[in-house]
Amino acid sequence: MSQKVLLNANEVKIALHRLACQLIENHNDFSNTVLIGLQPRGIYLADRLKQLLETDYGIDKIQLGYLDITFYRDDFRRGDKILEANSTQINFIVENKRVVFVDDVLYTGRSIRSALTAIQSFGRPNEIELLCLIDRRFSRHLPIQPDYHGRQVDAIGQEKVIVNWEDQDGEDAVYLVPR
């Protein structure tokens, strides 16, 4: 089986604008909201959303951080593969803020569980929401659902969702590929 295009560049653009509009509906001017991109790949989506909100929708002063969850993962010490940590870049307190976790693909939910634990080091948020570009809805190991998603995908276990970003990979596209 060859790769299947789930979203082309134009469809990614449409999904990003829809997600931005949904965020504006729920967070208005973002004065009490912070975006947290989950390392490693959620940061690209978070960057794009922040840029879109600022340039196309005129919302300024959006607080954006990057959260590394490597050492909070439940599989951190399992297996032979050595996990490499990414950098956490959060230069604000999340105490009493509305936090929006941003990740490219929601799969089993384990990364989000890790992020929920990791964010506590930066304060206690009033509320946490989840935004993802792709929701693999039938793959959950934990009862975690996104508040915002660009597209839902019904992929079987042996298939993998790959999100490419123009800045990093030379194109905006989402693929479903065999493992």
N, C-alpha and C. Protein backbone atom coordinates (compact mmCIF):
# COMPACT_ATOMS: atom_id res chain seq x y z
N MET A 1 0.84 -1.18 0.00
CA MET A 1 0.00 0.00 0.00
C MET A 1 0.88 1.24 0.00
N SER A 2 0.58 2.19 -0.86
CA SER A 2 1.36 3.42 -0.92
C SER A 2 0.74 4.48 -0.03
N GLN A 3 1.45 5.59 0.08
CA GLN A 3 0.94 6.66 0.94
C GLN A 3 -0.30 7.30 0.33
N LYS A 4 -1.18 7.75 1.21
CA LYS A 4 -2.41 8.41 0.79
C LYS A 4 -2.37 9.84 1.31
N VAL A 5 -2.71 10.80 0.48
CA VAL A 5 -2.76 12.20 0.90
C VAL A 5 -4.06 12.43 1.66
N LEU A 6 -3.93 12.80 2.94
CA LEU A 6 -5.11 13.13 3.74
C LEU A 6 -5.48 14.61 3.59
N LEU A 7 -4.46 15.46 3.58
CA LEU A 7 -4.66 16.90 3.38
C LEU A 7 -3.56 17.42 2.48
N ASN A 8 -3.93 18.14 1.43
CA ASN A 8 -2.92 18.80 0.60
C ASN A 8 -2.67 20.20 1.17
N ALA A 9 -1.82 20.97 0.53
CA ALA A 9 -1.44 22.29 1.06
C ALA A 9 -2.65 23.20 1.22
N ASN A 10 -3.54 23.21 0.25
CA ASN A 10 -4.72 24.07 0.34
C ASN A 10 -5.63 23.62 1.48
N GLU A 11 -5.80 22.32 1.65
CA GLU A 11 -6.66 21.80 2.73
C GLU A 11 -6.03 22.07 4.10
N VAL A 12 -4.70 22.02 4.20
CA VAL A 12 -4.03 22.37 5.46
C VAL A 12 -4.31 23.83 5.78
N LYS A 13 -4.21 24.69 4.78
CA LYS A 13 -4.46 26.13 4.97
C LYS A 13 -5.89 26.37 5.45
N ILE A 14 -6.85 25.69 4.84
CA ILE A 14 -8.25 25.82 5.25
C ILE A 14 -8.44 25.34 6.69
N ALA A 15 -7.85 24.21 7.02
CA ALA A 15 -7.96 23.67 8.39
C ALA A 15 -7.34 24.62 9.41
N LEU A 16 -6.19 25.21 9.08
CA LEU A 16 -5.54 26.15 10.00
C LEU A 16 -6.42 27.38 10.24
N HIS A 17 -7.03 27.91 9.18
CA HIS A 17 -7.91 29.06 9.34
C HIS A 17 -9.14 28.70 10.17
N ARG A 18 -9.69 27.52 9.94
CA ARG A 18 -10.85 27.08 10.73
C ARG A 18 -10.49 26.94 12.20
N LEU A 19 -9.33 26.34 12.48
CA LEU A 19 -8.87 26.19 13.86
C LEU A 19 -8.65 27.56 14.50
N ALA A 20 -8.05 28.49 13.76
CA ALA A 20 -7.82 29.84 14.28
C ALA A 20 -9.14 30.52 14.63
N CYS A 21 -10.12 30.39 13.75
CA CYS A 21 -11.44 31.00 14.01
C CYS A 21 -12.12 30.37 15.23
N GLN A 22 -12.00 29.08 15.39
CA GLN A 22 -12.58 28.42 16.56
C GLN A 22 -11.90 28.90 17.84
N LEU A 23 -10.59 29.08 17.79
CA LEU A 23 -9.88 29.62 18.96
C LEU A 23 -10.36 31.03 19.29
N ILE A 24 -10.52 31.86 18.27
CA ILE A 24 -10.99 33.24 18.49
C ILE A 24 -12.39 33.23 19.11
N GLU A 25 -13.26 32.36 18.63
CA GLU A 25 -14.61 32.27 19.19
C GLU A 25 -14.58 31.98 20.68
N ASN A 26 -13.66 31.12 21.10
CA ASN A 26 -13.63 30.70 22.50
C ASN A 26 -12.68 31.49 23.39
N HIS A 27 -11.72 32.21 22.78
CA HIS A 27 -10.71 32.90 23.59
C HIS A 27 -10.63 34.39 23.30
N ASN A 28 -11.45 34.89 22.40
CA ASN A 28 -11.57 36.30 22.10
C ASN A 28 -10.22 36.96 21.83
N ASP A 29 -9.69 37.73 22.77
CA ASP A 29 -8.45 38.47 22.53
C ASP A 29 -7.21 37.77 23.09
N PHE A 30 -7.36 36.59 23.64
CA PHE A 30 -6.27 35.77 24.17
C PHE A 30 -5.57 36.42 25.37
N SER A 31 -6.23 37.35 26.04
CA SER A 31 -5.59 38.04 27.17
C SER A 31 -5.35 37.10 28.35
N ASN A 32 -6.14 36.04 28.47
CA ASN A 32 -5.95 35.10 29.57
C ASN A 32 -5.68 33.69 29.05
N THR A 33 -5.23 33.60 27.79
CA THR A 33 -5.00 32.31 27.14
C THR A 33 -3.56 32.20 26.67
N VAL A 34 -2.98 31.02 26.84
CA VAL A 34 -1.63 30.75 26.32
C VAL A 34 -1.69 29.51 25.43
N LEU A 35 -0.89 29.52 24.38
CA LEU A 35 -0.74 28.36 23.51
C LEU A 35 0.53 27.62 23.92
N ILE A 36 0.44 26.31 24.05
CA ILE A 36 1.60 25.49 24.40
C ILE A 36 1.76 24.42 23.32
N GLY A 37 2.80 24.55 22.50
CA GLY A 37 3.11 23.54 21.50
C GLY A 37 3.86 22.39 22.13
N LEU A 38 3.41 21.18 21.88
CA LEU A 38 4.05 20.00 22.46
C LEU A 38 5.20 19.56 21.57
N GLN A 39 6.37 19.42 22.17
CA GLN A 39 7.56 18.97 21.45
C GLN A 39 7.41 17.50 21.09
N PRO A 40 7.88 17.04 19.96
CA PRO A 40 8.66 17.83 19.01
C PRO A 40 7.83 18.46 17.90
N ARG A 41 6.76 17.84 17.43
CA ARG A 41 6.10 18.30 16.20
C ARG A 41 4.94 19.26 16.42
N GLY A 42 4.42 19.34 17.62
CA GLY A 42 3.32 20.27 17.88
C GLY A 42 3.74 21.72 17.83
N ILE A 43 5.03 21.97 17.97
CA ILE A 43 5.51 23.36 17.96
C ILE A 43 5.33 24.00 16.59
N TYR A 44 5.41 23.21 15.53
CA TYR A 44 5.25 23.77 14.19
C TYR A 44 3.81 24.24 13.97
N LEU A 45 2.86 23.44 14.43
CA LEU A 45 1.45 23.83 14.34
C LEU A 45 1.19 25.05 15.22
N ALA A 46 1.74 25.07 16.42
CA ALA A 46 1.55 26.21 17.32
C ALA A 46 2.13 27.49 16.72
N ASP A 47 3.31 27.39 16.12
CA ASP A 47 3.92 28.56 15.46
C ASP A 47 3.02 29.08 14.34
N ARG A 48 2.52 28.17 13.52
CA ARG A 48 1.68 28.57 12.39
C ARG A 48 0.38 29.22 12.88
N LEU A 49 -0.22 28.66 13.93
CA LEU A 49 -1.45 29.24 14.45
C LEU A 49 -1.21 30.63 15.02
N LYS A 50 -0.13 30.79 15.75
CA LYS A 50 0.20 32.12 16.31
C LYS A 50 0.40 33.12 15.19
N GLN A 51 1.15 32.74 14.18
CA GLN A 51 1.40 33.62 13.04
C GLN A 51 0.09 34.00 12.34
N LEU A 52 -0.76 33.02 12.14
CA LEU A 52 -2.05 33.25 11.49
C LEU A 52 -2.94 34.17 12.32
N LEU A 53 -3.01 33.93 13.60
CA LEU A 53 -3.83 34.76 14.49
C LEU A 53 -3.34 36.21 14.50
N GLU A 54 -2.03 36.40 14.45
CA GLU A 54 -1.48 37.75 14.47
C GLU A 54 -1.62 38.45 13.13
N THR A 55 -1.24 37.79 12.05
CA THR A 55 -1.21 38.46 10.74
C THR A 55 -2.58 38.55 10.08
N ASP A 56 -3.35 37.48 10.10
CA ASP A 56 -4.63 37.48 9.39
C ASP A 56 -5.81 37.94 10.24
N TYR A 57 -5.71 37.81 11.57
CA TYR A 57 -6.84 38.14 12.43
C TYR A 57 -6.55 39.27 13.41
N GLY A 58 -5.35 39.84 13.36
CA GLY A 58 -5.02 41.03 14.14
C GLY A 58 -4.97 40.85 15.64
N ILE A 59 -4.73 39.65 16.09
CA ILE A 59 -4.62 39.42 17.53
C ILE A 59 -3.14 39.46 17.90
N ASP A 60 -2.79 40.37 18.79
CA ASP A 60 -1.37 40.48 19.15
C ASP A 60 -1.15 40.04 20.59
N LYS A 61 0.09 39.93 20.92
CA LYS A 61 0.52 39.55 22.27
C LYS A 61 0.04 38.16 22.68
N ILE A 62 0.04 37.24 21.75
CA ILE A 62 -0.31 35.86 22.07
C ILE A 62 0.90 35.21 22.73
N GLN A 63 0.70 34.65 23.89
CA GLN A 63 1.79 33.97 24.59
C GLN A 63 1.89 32.54 24.06
N LEU A 64 3.10 32.17 23.64
CA LEU A 64 3.35 30.86 23.07
C LEU A 64 4.54 30.23 23.76
N GLY A 65 4.39 28.98 24.15
CA GLY A 65 5.49 28.24 24.74
C GLY A 65 5.60 26.87 24.11
N TYR A 66 6.75 26.24 24.37
CA TYR A 66 7.00 24.88 23.89
C TYR A 66 7.23 24.01 25.11
N LEU A 67 6.58 22.87 25.17
CA LEU A 67 6.68 21.97 26.32
C LEU A 67 7.26 20.63 25.89
N ASP A 68 8.36 20.25 26.54
CA ASP A 68 8.94 18.92 26.30
C ASP A 68 8.37 17.96 27.33
N ILE A 69 7.89 16.83 26.86
CA ILE A 69 7.25 15.85 27.75
C ILE A 69 8.06 14.57 27.89
N THR A 70 9.26 14.55 27.35
CA THR A 70 10.07 13.33 27.28
C THR A 70 10.16 12.62 28.62
N PHE A 71 10.51 13.33 29.67
CA PHE A 71 10.75 12.70 30.97
C PHE A 71 9.48 12.46 31.77
N TYR A 72 8.34 12.83 31.21
CA TYR A 72 7.05 12.58 31.84
C TYR A 72 6.31 11.42 31.19
N ARG A 73 6.88 10.86 30.14
CA ARG A 73 6.24 9.77 29.40
C ARG A 73 6.25 8.49 30.22
N ASP A 74 5.21 7.68 30.09
CA ASP A 74 5.15 6.43 30.83
C ASP A 74 6.04 5.35 30.21
N ASP A 75 6.55 5.60 29.01
CA ASP A 75 7.47 4.65 28.37
C ASP A 75 8.91 5.16 28.38
N PHE A 76 9.19 6.14 29.24
CA PHE A 76 10.51 6.77 29.26
C PHE A 76 11.65 5.77 29.46
N ARG A 77 11.49 4.83 30.34
CA ARG A 77 12.57 3.89 30.63
C ARG A 77 12.32 2.50 30.06
N ARG A 78 11.44 2.40 29.10
CA ARG A 78 11.14 1.10 28.48
C ARG A 78 11.80 1.02 27.12
N GLY A 79 12.20 -0.16 26.76
CA GLY A 79 12.77 -0.37 25.43
C GLY A 79 14.24 0.00 25.34
N ASP A 80 14.80 -0.30 24.20
CA ASP A 80 16.22 -0.07 23.97
C ASP A 80 16.53 1.31 23.42
N LYS A 81 15.52 1.96 22.87
CA LYS A 81 15.74 3.27 22.25
C LYS A 81 15.95 4.33 23.32
N ILE A 82 17.01 5.09 23.19
CA ILE A 82 17.27 6.19 24.11
C ILE A 82 16.51 7.41 23.62
N LEU A 83 15.66 7.94 24.47
CA LEU A 83 14.88 9.10 24.09
C LEU A 83 15.70 10.37 24.26
N GLU A 84 15.60 11.25 23.29
CA GLU A 84 16.30 12.53 23.36
C GLU A 84 15.31 13.62 23.72
N ALA A 85 15.67 14.40 24.71
CA ALA A 85 14.79 15.48 25.15
C ALA A 85 14.91 16.68 24.22
N ASN A 86 13.83 17.41 24.12
CA ASN A 86 13.80 18.69 23.42
C ASN A 86 13.79 19.78 24.48
N SER A 87 13.87 21.00 24.07
CA SER A 87 13.90 22.07 25.06
C SER A 87 12.49 22.56 25.36
N THR A 88 12.24 22.83 26.63
CA THR A 88 11.01 23.48 27.05
C THR A 88 11.29 24.98 27.04
N GLN A 89 10.40 25.72 26.43
CA GLN A 89 10.54 27.18 26.38
C GLN A 89 9.22 27.80 26.79
N ILE A 90 9.07 27.98 28.08
CA ILE A 90 7.87 28.64 28.62
C ILE A 90 8.38 29.74 29.55
N ASN A 91 8.26 30.97 29.10
CA ASN A 91 8.78 32.09 29.90
C ASN A 91 7.65 32.89 30.55
N PHE A 92 6.60 32.17 30.95
CA PHE A 92 5.47 32.78 31.62
C PHE A 92 4.88 31.76 32.57
N ILE A 93 4.08 32.23 33.49
CA ILE A 93 3.39 31.36 34.45
C ILE A 93 2.02 31.01 33.88
N VAL A 94 1.61 29.78 34.03
CA VAL A 94 0.30 29.37 33.54
C VAL A 94 -0.77 29.42 34.63
N GLU A 95 -0.38 29.84 35.81
CA GLU A 95 -1.31 29.94 36.93
C GLU A 95 -2.54 30.76 36.54
N ASN A 96 -3.72 30.17 36.72
CA ASN A 96 -5.01 30.81 36.44
C ASN A 96 -5.20 31.20 34.98
N LYS A 97 -4.44 30.63 34.08
CA LYS A 97 -4.59 30.90 32.65
C LYS A 97 -5.41 29.80 31.99
N ARG A 98 -5.89 30.09 30.82
CA ARG A 98 -6.50 29.08 29.96
C ARG A 98 -5.39 28.60 29.04
N VAL A 99 -5.08 27.33 29.12
CA VAL A 99 -3.98 26.74 28.34
C VAL A 99 -4.58 25.93 27.19
N VAL A 100 -4.01 26.13 26.00
CA VAL A 100 -4.39 25.32 24.85
C VAL A 100 -3.16 24.52 24.44
N PHE A 101 -3.19 23.21 24.67
CA PHE A 101 -2.14 22.33 24.18
C PHE A 101 -2.32 22.19 22.67
N VAL A 102 -1.20 22.26 21.94
CA VAL A 102 -1.25 22.16 20.49
C VAL A 102 -0.33 21.02 20.06
N ASP A 103 -0.88 20.04 19.34
CA ASP A 103 -0.07 18.93 18.83
C ASP A 103 -0.54 18.59 17.42
N ASP A 104 0.35 18.00 16.64
CA ASP A 104 -0.01 17.72 15.25
C ASP A 104 -0.97 16.55 15.11
N VAL A 105 -0.70 15.44 15.83
CA VAL A 105 -1.53 14.24 15.71
C VAL A 105 -1.88 13.74 17.11
N LEU A 106 -3.16 13.51 17.34
CA LEU A 106 -3.61 12.86 18.57
C LEU A 106 -3.82 11.39 18.24
N TYR A 107 -3.04 10.54 18.89
CA TYR A 107 -3.06 9.12 18.60
C TYR A 107 -3.58 8.37 19.82
N THR A 108 -2.70 7.91 20.70
CA THR A 108 -3.13 7.11 21.85
C THR A 108 -3.59 7.97 23.02
N GLY A 109 -3.13 9.21 23.09
CA GLY A 109 -3.45 10.09 24.22
C GLY A 109 -2.36 10.13 25.26
N ARG A 110 -1.36 9.27 25.12
CA ARG A 110 -0.30 9.20 26.14
C ARG A 110 0.55 10.48 26.20
N SER A 111 0.79 11.10 25.07
CA SER A 111 1.56 12.35 25.08
C SER A 111 0.79 13.44 25.82
N ILE A 112 -0.50 13.46 25.65
CA ILE A 112 -1.32 14.47 26.32
C ILE A 112 -1.33 14.21 27.83
N ARG A 113 -1.42 12.95 28.22
CA ARG A 113 -1.35 12.63 29.65
C ARG A 113 -0.04 13.13 30.23
N SER A 114 1.05 12.94 29.49
CA SER A 114 2.36 13.41 29.93
C SER A 114 2.40 14.93 30.02
N ALA A 115 1.80 15.59 29.05
CA ALA A 115 1.77 17.06 29.04
C ALA A 115 0.97 17.60 30.23
N LEU A 116 -0.11 16.91 30.59
CA LEU A 116 -0.90 17.34 31.74
C LEU A 116 -0.07 17.32 33.03
N THR A 117 0.79 16.34 33.15
CA THR A 117 1.68 16.27 34.31
C THR A 117 2.77 17.32 34.22
N ALA A 118 3.39 17.47 33.05
CA ALA A 118 4.51 18.39 32.88
C ALA A 118 4.11 19.85 33.09
N ILE A 119 2.93 20.23 32.67
CA ILE A 119 2.53 21.65 32.75
C ILE A 119 2.39 22.12 34.20
N GLN A 120 2.18 21.19 35.11
CA GLN A 120 2.03 21.56 36.52
C GLN A 120 3.28 22.23 37.09
N SER A 121 4.43 22.02 36.46
CA SER A 121 5.66 22.68 36.90
C SER A 121 5.62 24.19 36.66
N PHE A 122 4.67 24.66 35.87
CA PHE A 122 4.60 26.07 35.51
C PHE A 122 3.39 26.77 36.11
N GLY A 123 2.71 26.10 37.03
CA GLY A 123 1.54 26.67 37.68
C GLY A 123 0.32 25.80 37.45
N ARG A 124 -0.77 26.26 38.03
CA ARG A 124 -2.04 25.52 37.92
C ARG A 124 -2.99 26.30 37.03
N PRO A 125 -3.21 25.81 35.81
CA PRO A 125 -4.10 26.51 34.89
C PRO A 125 -5.56 26.43 35.36
N ASN A 126 -6.35 27.42 34.96
CA ASN A 126 -7.79 27.35 35.21
C ASN A 126 -8.45 26.30 34.34
N GLU A 127 -7.92 26.16 33.12
CA GLU A 127 -8.54 25.28 32.14
C GLU A 127 -7.48 24.84 31.14
N ILE A 128 -7.60 23.62 30.67
CA ILE A 128 -6.70 23.12 29.62
C ILE A 128 -7.56 22.56 28.49
N GLU A 129 -7.25 23.00 27.27
CA GLU A 129 -7.92 22.49 26.09
C GLU A 129 -6.88 21.84 25.19
N LEU A 130 -7.35 21.05 24.25
CA LEU A 130 -6.46 20.35 23.32
C LEU A 130 -6.86 20.66 21.89
N LEU A 131 -5.87 21.09 21.10
CA LEU A 131 -6.04 21.33 19.68
C LEU A 131 -5.07 20.45 18.93
N CYS A 132 -5.56 19.73 17.94
CA CYS A 132 -4.69 18.91 17.10
C CYS A 132 -5.12 19.05 15.65
N LEU A 133 -4.18 18.91 14.75
CA LEU A 133 -4.50 18.96 13.33
C LEU A 133 -5.21 17.68 12.91
N ILE A 134 -4.69 16.54 13.36
CA ILE A 134 -5.25 15.23 13.00
C ILE A 134 -5.64 14.47 14.27
N ASP A 135 -6.87 14.00 14.29
CA ASP A 135 -7.37 13.18 15.40
C ASP A 135 -7.58 11.76 14.90
N ARG A 136 -6.71 10.85 15.36
CA ARG A 136 -6.88 9.42 15.05
C ARG A 136 -7.84 8.86 16.09
N ARG A 137 -9.12 9.03 15.86
CA ARG A 137 -10.12 8.84 16.90
C ARG A 137 -10.32 7.42 17.40
N PHE A 138 -9.95 6.41 16.65
CA PHE A 138 -10.17 5.04 17.11
C PHE A 138 -8.90 4.39 17.63
N SER A 139 -7.94 5.16 18.04
CA SER A 139 -6.64 4.63 18.48
C SER A 139 -6.33 4.94 19.93
N ARG A 140 -7.28 5.46 20.67
CA ARG A 140 -7.02 5.93 22.02
C ARG A 140 -6.73 4.81 23.00
N HIS A 141 -5.74 5.03 23.86
CA HIS A 141 -5.49 4.16 25.00
C HIS A 141 -6.02 4.80 26.27
N LEU A 142 -6.23 6.11 26.21
CA LEU A 142 -6.70 6.88 27.37
C LEU A 142 -7.94 7.69 26.96
N PRO A 143 -8.80 8.03 27.91
CA PRO A 143 -10.02 8.78 27.56
C PRO A 143 -9.74 10.27 27.36
N ILE A 144 -9.04 10.59 26.28
CA ILE A 144 -8.66 11.96 25.96
C ILE A 144 -9.21 12.29 24.58
N GLN A 145 -9.88 13.43 24.48
CA GLN A 145 -10.47 13.87 23.21
C GLN A 145 -10.06 15.31 22.94
N PRO A 146 -9.90 15.69 21.69
CA PRO A 146 -9.53 17.08 21.38
C PRO A 146 -10.74 18.01 21.47
N ASP A 147 -10.48 19.25 21.85
CA ASP A 147 -11.51 20.28 21.82
C ASP A 147 -11.62 20.86 20.41
N TYR A 148 -10.49 20.84 19.69
CA TYR A 148 -10.42 21.35 18.33
C TYR A 148 -9.61 20.37 17.49
N HIS A 149 -10.08 20.06 16.30
CA HIS A 149 -9.29 19.22 15.40
C HIS A 149 -9.52 19.67 13.97
N GLY A 150 -8.48 19.52 13.17
CA GLY A 150 -8.58 19.87 11.76
C GLY A 150 -9.28 18.79 10.95
N ARG A 151 -8.96 17.55 11.28
CA ARG A 151 -9.58 16.42 10.57
C ARG A 151 -9.50 15.18 11.44
N GLN A 152 -10.56 14.38 11.38
CA GLN A 152 -10.56 13.08 12.04
C GLN A 152 -10.20 12.03 11.01
N VAL A 153 -9.38 11.07 11.46
CA VAL A 153 -8.90 10.02 10.57
C VAL A 153 -9.16 8.68 11.22
N ASP A 154 -9.70 7.76 10.44
CA ASP A 154 -9.88 6.39 10.90
C ASP A 154 -8.76 5.55 10.30
N ALA A 155 -7.66 5.46 11.01
CA ALA A 155 -6.50 4.71 10.52
C ALA A 155 -6.35 3.44 11.34
N ILE A 156 -6.02 2.35 10.67
CA ILE A 156 -5.79 1.11 11.40
C ILE A 156 -4.42 1.15 12.04
N GLY A 157 -4.16 0.27 12.98
CA GLY A 157 -2.95 0.28 13.77
C GLY A 157 -1.65 0.26 13.00
N GLN A 158 -1.63 -0.37 11.84
CA GLN A 158 -0.39 -0.48 11.08
C GLN A 158 -0.13 0.75 10.20
N GLU A 159 -1.02 1.71 10.21
CA GLU A 159 -0.83 2.92 9.41
C GLU A 159 -0.33 4.06 10.30
N LYS A 160 0.43 4.95 9.68
CA LYS A 160 1.00 6.07 10.41
C LYS A 160 0.60 7.37 9.72
N VAL A 161 0.31 8.38 10.51
CA VAL A 161 -0.01 9.70 9.98
C VAL A 161 1.25 10.55 10.03
N ILE A 162 1.62 11.11 8.90
CA ILE A 162 2.79 11.98 8.80
C ILE A 162 2.32 13.38 8.44
N VAL A 163 2.70 14.36 9.27
CA VAL A 163 2.36 15.75 9.00
C VAL A 163 3.64 16.46 8.56
N ASN A 164 3.59 17.04 7.38
CA ASN A 164 4.72 17.81 6.86
C ASN A 164 4.38 19.30 6.91
N TRP A 165 5.38 20.08 7.31
CA TRP A 165 5.24 21.54 7.36
C TRP A 165 6.24 22.16 6.40
N GLU A 166 5.80 23.17 5.69
CA GLU A 166 6.65 23.79 4.68
C GLU A 166 7.99 24.26 5.26
N ASP A 167 7.95 24.87 6.43
CA ASP A 167 9.18 25.37 7.05
C ASP A 167 10.19 24.27 7.35
N GLN A 168 9.70 23.09 7.69
CA GLN A 168 10.57 21.99 8.10
C GLN A 168 10.78 20.94 7.02
N ASP A 169 9.72 20.65 6.28
CA ASP A 169 9.74 19.51 5.37
C ASP A 169 9.58 19.90 3.89
N GLY A 170 9.44 21.18 3.62
CA GLY A 170 9.33 21.64 2.24
C GLY A 170 7.94 21.66 1.66
N GLU A 171 6.94 21.23 2.41
CA GLU A 171 5.56 21.25 1.93
C GLU A 171 4.61 21.17 3.12
N ASP A 172 3.41 21.71 2.92
CA ASP A 172 2.32 21.51 3.87
C ASP A 172 1.48 20.37 3.33
N ALA A 173 1.46 19.26 4.04
CA ALA A 173 0.68 18.10 3.62
C ALA A 173 0.58 17.12 4.77
N VAL A 174 -0.47 16.30 4.72
CA VAL A 174 -0.65 15.22 5.71
C VAL A 174 -0.85 13.93 4.92
N TYR A 175 -0.09 12.91 5.31
CA TYR A 175 -0.12 11.62 4.62
C TYR A 175 -0.48 10.50 5.58
N LEU A 176 -1.13 9.49 5.05
CA LEU A 176 -1.35 8.23 5.75
C LEU A 176 -0.46 7.21 5.05
N VAL A 177 0.48 6.63 5.80
CA VAL A 177 1.46 5.71 5.20
C VAL A 177 1.46 4.39 5.96
N PRO A 178 1.80 3.31 5.26
CA PRO A 178 1.91 2.02 5.95
C PRO A 178 3.17 2.00 6.82
N ARG A 179 3.13 1.24 7.89
CA ARG A 179 4.33 1.12 8.75
C ARG A 179 5.25 0.07 8.20
